[in-house]
């Protein structure tokens, strides 16, 4: 069962492939929504050696950065071994 936790934004690394999908207009729209409603959907990340790696929620994370937030609500998930 996943449990919501708070994570430091500065410790979450975005993989290069995922960062290439960033849409600035979508970030702006989400940031405006967050100003009114707060963060309604947690992001997902996995633990890495030096922090966390983003799995899901790039636009939410970038919107929080744009708003100057230092913490993000998210779920810590385990990496799936193949």
C-alpha atoms as a PDB file:
ATOM      1  CA  UNK A   1       0.000   0.000   0.000  1.00  0.00           C
ATOM      2  CA  UNK A   2       1.346   3.395  -0.971  1.00  0.00           C
ATOM      3  CA  UNK A   3       1.538   6.080   1.688  1.00  0.00           C
ATOM      4  CA  UNK A   4       1.752   9.797   0.882  1.00  0.00           C
ATOM      5  CA  UNK A   5       4.924  11.449   2.142  1.00  0.00           C
ATOM      6  CA  UNK A   6       6.616  14.823   1.746  1.00  0.00           C
ATOM      7  CA  UNK A   7       9.854  14.930  -0.265  1.00  0.00           C
ATOM      8  CA  UNK A   8      12.345  17.775  -0.800  1.00  0.00           C
ATOM      9  CA  UNK A   9      11.963  19.092  -4.354  1.00  0.00           C
ATOM     10  CA  UNK A  10      15.718  19.691  -4.596  1.00  0.00           C
ATOM     11  CA  UNK A  11      16.457  15.985  -4.076  1.00  0.00           C
ATOM     12  CA  UNK A  12      14.289  14.729  -6.963  1.00  0.00           C
ATOM     13  CA  UNK A  13      16.143  14.110 -10.218  1.00  0.00           C
ATOM     14  CA  UNK A  14      14.243  14.095 -13.511  1.00  0.00           C
ATOM     15  CA  UNK A  15      15.538  11.610 -16.107  1.00  0.00           C
ATOM     16  CA  UNK A  16      16.639  13.285 -19.369  1.00  0.00           C
ATOM     17  CA  UNK A  17      14.115  11.348 -21.495  1.00  0.00           C
ATOM     18  CA  UNK A  18      11.265  12.456 -19.266  1.00  0.00           C
ATOM     19  CA  UNK A  19      12.467  16.088 -19.147  1.00  0.00           C
ATOM     20  CA  UNK A  20      12.250  16.270 -22.954  1.00  0.00           C
ATOM     21  CA  UNK A  21       8.454  15.856 -22.712  1.00  0.00           C
ATOM     22  CA  UNK A  22       8.012  19.039 -20.663  1.00  0.00           C
ATOM     23  CA  UNK A  23       5.230  21.365 -21.873  1.00  0.00           C
ATOM     24  CA  UNK A  24       5.598  24.877 -20.389  1.00  0.00           C
ATOM     25  CA  UNK A  25       1.936  25.747 -21.022  1.00  0.00           C
ATOM     26  CA  UNK A  26       0.816  22.673 -19.100  1.00  0.00           C
ATOM     27  CA  UNK A  27       3.146  23.574 -16.213  1.00  0.00           C
ATOM     28  CA  UNK A  28       1.612  27.067 -16.095  1.00  0.00           C
ATOM     29  CA  UNK A  29      -1.920  25.652 -16.094  1.00  0.00           C
ATOM     30  CA  UNK A  30      -1.128  23.211 -13.286  1.00  0.00           C
ATOM     31  CA  UNK A  31       0.627  25.931 -11.256  1.00  0.00           C
ATOM     32  CA  UNK A  32      -2.464  28.136 -11.488  1.00  0.00           C
ATOM     33  CA  UNK A  33      -4.640  25.229 -10.373  1.00  0.00           C
ATOM     34  CA  UNK A  34      -2.294  24.516  -7.456  1.00  0.00           C
ATOM     35  CA  UNK A  35      -2.578  28.124  -6.295  1.00  0.00           C
ATOM     36  CA  UNK A  36      -6.321  27.645  -5.927  1.00  0.00           C
ATOM     37  CA  UNK A  37      -6.602  24.011  -4.844  1.00  0.00           C
ATOM     38  CA  UNK A  38      -3.132  22.948  -3.707  1.00  0.00           C
ATOM     39  CA  UNK A  39      -1.468  19.760  -4.888  1.00  0.00           C
ATOM     40  CA  UNK A  40      -4.276  17.260  -5.379  1.00  0.00           C
ATOM     41  CA  UNK A  41      -2.362  14.387  -6.996  1.00  0.00           C
ATOM     42  CA  UNK A  42       0.912  13.095  -5.514  1.00  0.00           C
ATOM     43  CA  UNK A  43       3.921  12.419  -7.729  1.00  0.00           C
ATOM     44  CA  UNK A  44       5.764   9.072  -7.721  1.00  0.00           C
ATOM     45  CA  UNK A  45       9.480   8.600  -7.263  1.00  0.00           C
ATOM     46  CA  UNK A  46      11.961   5.904  -6.388  1.00  0.00           C
ATOM     47  CA  UNK A  47      14.968   6.052  -4.094  1.00  0.00           C
ATOM     48  CA  UNK A  48      18.401   6.532  -5.652  1.00  0.00           C
ATOM     49  CA  UNK A  49      21.894   6.749  -4.169  1.00  0.00           C
ATOM     50  CA  UNK A  50      21.757  10.526  -3.777  1.00  0.00           C
ATOM     51  CA  UNK A  51      18.050  11.264  -3.441  1.00  0.00           C
ATOM     52  CA  UNK A  52      15.081  10.303  -5.609  1.00  0.00           C
ATOM     53  CA  UNK A  53      14.303   9.733  -9.281  1.00  0.00           C
ATOM     54  CA  UNK A  54      10.992  10.937 -10.677  1.00  0.00           C
ATOM     55  CA  UNK A  55       8.776   8.220 -12.118  1.00  0.00           C
ATOM     56  CA  UNK A  56       5.497  10.081 -12.637  1.00  0.00           C
ATOM     57  CA  UNK A  57       4.418  13.716 -12.232  1.00  0.00           C
ATOM     58  CA  UNK A  58       6.884  15.845 -14.200  1.00  0.00           C
ATOM     59  CA  UNK A  59       4.457  18.712 -14.808  1.00  0.00           C
ATOM     60  CA  UNK A  60       3.257  18.718 -11.196  1.00  0.00           C
ATOM     61  CA  UNK A  61       6.859  18.791  -9.956  1.00  0.00           C
ATOM     62  CA  UNK A  62       7.808  21.623 -12.327  1.00  0.00           C
ATOM     63  CA  UNK A  63       4.679  23.576 -11.345  1.00  0.00           C
ATOM     64  CA  UNK A  64       5.666  23.334  -7.682  1.00  0.00           C
ATOM     65  CA  UNK A  65       9.198  24.496  -8.547  1.00  0.00           C
ATOM     66  CA  UNK A  66       7.737  27.462 -10.438  1.00  0.00           C
ATOM     67  CA  UNK A  67       5.691  28.347  -7.353  1.00  0.00           C
ATOM     68  CA  UNK A  68       8.822  28.230  -5.181  1.00  0.00           C
ATOM     69  CA  UNK A  69       7.730  25.219  -3.141  1.00  0.00           C
ATOM     70  CA  UNK A  70      10.448  23.266  -1.347  1.00  0.00           C
ATOM     71  CA  UNK A  71       8.437  20.121  -0.595  1.00  0.00           C
ATOM     72  CA  UNK A  72       6.265  17.907  -2.780  1.00  0.00           C
ATOM     73  CA  UNK A  73       3.709  15.310  -1.781  1.00  0.00           C
ATOM     74  CA  UNK A  74       4.433  11.933  -3.329  1.00  0.00           C
ATOM     75  CA  UNK A  75       4.584   8.185  -3.173  1.00  0.00           C
ATOM     76  CA  UNK A  76       7.847   6.315  -2.815  1.00  0.00           C
ATOM     77  CA  UNK A  77       7.703   3.238  -5.037  1.00  0.00           C
ATOM     78  CA  UNK A  78      10.126   0.393  -5.391  1.00  0.00           C
ATOM     79  CA  UNK A  79      12.003  -0.172  -8.621  1.00  0.00           C
ATOM     80  CA  UNK A  80      10.795  -3.251 -10.453  1.00  0.00           C
ATOM     81  CA  UNK A  81      13.555  -5.765 -11.133  1.00  0.00           C
ATOM     82  CA  UNK A  82      13.271  -7.655 -14.422  1.00  0.00           C
END
